[in-house]
Protein backbone atom coordinates (compact mmCIF):
# COMPACT_ATOMS: atom_id res chain seq x y z
CA MET A 1 0.00 0.00 0.00
CA LEU A 2 2.85 2.41 0.79
CA ILE A 3 4.40 1.71 -2.61
CA SER A 4 1.15 2.70 -4.37
CA ALA A 5 1.04 5.90 -2.33
CA ILE A 6 4.61 6.75 -3.34
CA VAL A 7 3.88 5.99 -7.00
CA PHE A 8 0.75 8.15 -6.78
CA ALA A 9 2.68 11.06 -5.25
CA VAL A 10 5.45 10.96 -7.86
CA VAL A 11 3.06 10.48 -10.78
CA ALA A 12 0.69 13.22 -9.55
CA ALA A 13 3.57 15.68 -9.18
CA THR A 14 4.87 14.72 -12.62
CA PHE A 15 1.45 15.01 -14.24
CA TYR A 16 0.98 18.46 -12.69
CA ALA A 17 4.44 19.71 -13.71
CA GLY A 18 3.93 18.19 -17.15
CA HIS A 19 0.57 19.91 -17.44
CA GLN A 20 2.08 23.30 -16.70
CA VAL A 21 4.91 22.87 -19.21
CA ALA A 22 2.76 21.21 -21.88
CA ASP A 23 -0.25 23.51 -21.63
CA HIS A 24 1.72 26.76 -21.45
CA VAL A 25 5.11 26.24 -23.13
CA PHE A 26 5.78 23.20 -25.35
CA GLY A 27 2.45 21.55 -26.04
CA GLN A 28 0.28 24.25 -27.57
CA SER A 29 0.77 26.90 -30.21
CA ASP A 30 -1.02 30.24 -30.17
CA LYS A 31 -3.04 29.06 -33.17
CA GLN A 32 -4.10 25.86 -31.40
CA ALA A 33 -5.11 27.82 -28.30
CA ALA A 34 -7.14 30.25 -30.37
CA HIS A 35 -8.94 27.64 -32.48
CA LYS A 36 -9.26 24.45 -30.40
CA ALA A 37 -12.79 25.31 -29.31
CA ALA A 38 -13.95 26.37 -32.78
CA PRO A 39 -16.88 24.47 -34.27
CA GLY A 40 -16.41 21.70 -36.78
CA TRP A 41 -13.29 20.03 -38.11
CA ASP A 42 -11.15 23.17 -37.73
CA GLY A 43 -11.63 23.17 -33.96
CA TRP A 44 -11.13 19.43 -33.62
CA ARG A 45 -7.96 19.54 -35.76
CA HIS A 46 -6.38 22.21 -33.56
CA LEU A 47 -7.53 20.43 -30.41
CA LEU A 48 -6.10 17.10 -31.56
CA GLY A 49 -2.75 18.71 -32.35
CA HIS A 50 -2.66 20.24 -28.88
CA VAL A 51 -3.71 17.07 -27.05
CA VAL A 52 -1.11 14.97 -28.89
CA ALA A 53 1.73 17.46 -28.31
CA TYR A 54 0.66 17.94 -24.67
CA HIS A 55 0.69 14.21 -23.98
CA LEU A 56 4.03 13.68 -25.69
CA VAL A 57 5.53 16.16 -23.22
CA VAL A 58 3.77 14.48 -20.29
CA ALA A 59 4.78 10.99 -21.50
CA VAL A 60 8.44 12.00 -21.71
CA MET A 61 8.34 13.47 -18.21
CA LEU A 62 6.56 10.39 -16.83
CA THR A 63 9.07 8.10 -18.51
CA VAL A 64 11.99 9.99 -16.99
CA ALA A 65 10.43 9.85 -13.51
CA ILE A 66 9.47 6.18 -13.77
CA VAL A 67 12.85 5.04 -15.10
CA THR A 68 14.94 7.28 -12.85
CA LEU A 69 13.06 6.31 -9.71
CA ASP A 70 12.45 2.70 -10.79
CA LEU A 71 8.73 3.00 -10.10
CA PRO A 72 6.63 -0.16 -10.30
CA VAL A 73 3.94 0.84 -12.77
CA THR A 74 2.04 -1.30 -15.22
CA VAL A 75 1.32 -0.73 -18.89
CA VAL A 76 -2.39 -0.97 -18.07
CA GLY A 77 -2.05 1.76 -15.43
CA LEU A 78 -0.06 4.02 -17.74
CA VAL A 79 -2.47 3.56 -20.64
CA ALA A 80 -5.48 4.18 -18.37
CA GLY A 81 -3.93 7.24 -16.75
CA ILE A 82 -2.69 8.86 -19.94
CA GLY A 83 -5.88 7.85 -21.77
CA PHE A 84 -8.08 9.45 -19.11
CA SER A 85 -5.91 12.54 -19.19
CA ALA A 86 -6.17 12.83 -22.99
CA VAL A 87 -9.95 12.36 -23.11
CA SER A 88 -10.69 14.66 -20.17
CA HIS A 89 -8.26 17.29 -21.48
CA ALA A 90 -9.92 17.27 -24.89
CA ILE A 91 -13.40 17.59 -23.39
CA LEU A 92 -12.44 20.47 -21.10
CA ASP A 93 -10.56 22.30 -23.84
CA ARG A 94 -13.67 22.54 -25.99
CA ARG A 95 -14.57 25.20 -23.37
CA TRP A 96 -18.35 24.77 -23.45
CA PRO A 97 -18.27 22.00 -20.78
CA VAL A 98 -16.45 24.33 -18.39
CA ARG A 99 -18.93 27.15 -19.04
CA TRP A 100 -21.85 24.73 -18.67
CA LEU A 101 -20.51 23.50 -15.34
CA LEU A 102 -19.99 27.02 -13.98
CA ILE A 103 -23.45 28.12 -15.06
CA HIS A 104 -25.12 25.03 -13.58
CA THR A 105 -23.26 25.24 -10.28
CA GLY A 106 -24.32 28.83 -9.62
CA SER A 107 -21.35 30.74 -11.07
CA PRO A 108 -22.48 32.27 -14.36
CA ASP A 109 -20.84 35.61 -13.50
CA PHE A 110 -17.53 33.84 -12.82
CA ALA A 111 -17.75 32.19 -16.25
CA ASP A 112 -17.91 35.67 -17.84
CA ARG A 113 -15.35 37.37 -15.58
CA GLN A 114 -12.21 38.62 -17.32
CA ALA A 115 -10.66 40.82 -14.61
CA PRO A 116 -8.96 40.68 -12.20
CA ILE A 117 -8.86 37.02 -13.27
CA CYS A 118 -10.35 35.05 -16.13
CA GLY A 119 -12.97 32.82 -14.53
CA MET A 120 -13.09 30.35 -17.42
CA TYR A 121 -9.30 29.94 -17.44
CA LEU A 122 -9.10 29.42 -13.69
CA ALA A 123 -11.97 26.91 -13.75
CA ASP A 124 -10.40 25.12 -16.74
CA GLN A 125 -7.05 24.78 -14.97
CA SER A 126 -8.71 23.61 -11.75
CA LEU A 127 -10.67 20.93 -13.60
CA HIS A 128 -7.52 19.81 -15.43
CA ALA A 129 -5.76 19.44 -12.05
CA ALA A 130 -8.65 17.32 -10.73
CA CYS A 131 -8.51 15.09 -13.82
CA LEU A 132 -4.73 14.71 -13.45
CA TRP A 133 -5.34 13.56 -9.88
CA VAL A 134 -7.63 10.83 -11.24
CA SER A 135 -5.03 9.95 -13.89
CA ALA A 136 -2.35 9.58 -11.21
CA LEU A 137 -4.63 7.29 -9.19
CA LEU A 138 -5.18 5.12 -12.26
CA VAL A 139 -1.43 4.83 -12.90
CA ALA A 140 -0.70 4.03 -9.25
CA CYS A 141 -3.52 1.55 -8.68
CA LEU A 142 -3.84 -0.44 -11.92
């Protein structure tokens, strides 16, 4: 049980660091960010490019952590964790699910707020962090 907790802690930290680097530096172009929520094939094409690049960054970081620390993870756990991350990331990055959630949980004004913070961006990042937590659990427990 302690080993699973250690794997979870390392993988969760790596997923979170990977998310920051992949979402804001190496895994998304300005064009992808601007068009990933667009309707039709154009939006899905930009979103797919972002999700693939994002998860390549995360996969490299996870590989380095797993190999360097000799973590006992399974292929099933890795596939489940990265798969959940990819699907949840794609859903959230379409933007309408985040807006829908804010509106239906009593925060429509927060969804429209741009200053002093962007409510949609903060909610998006918070939901990504929650999904990465689930992804880390999948990697550690499967």
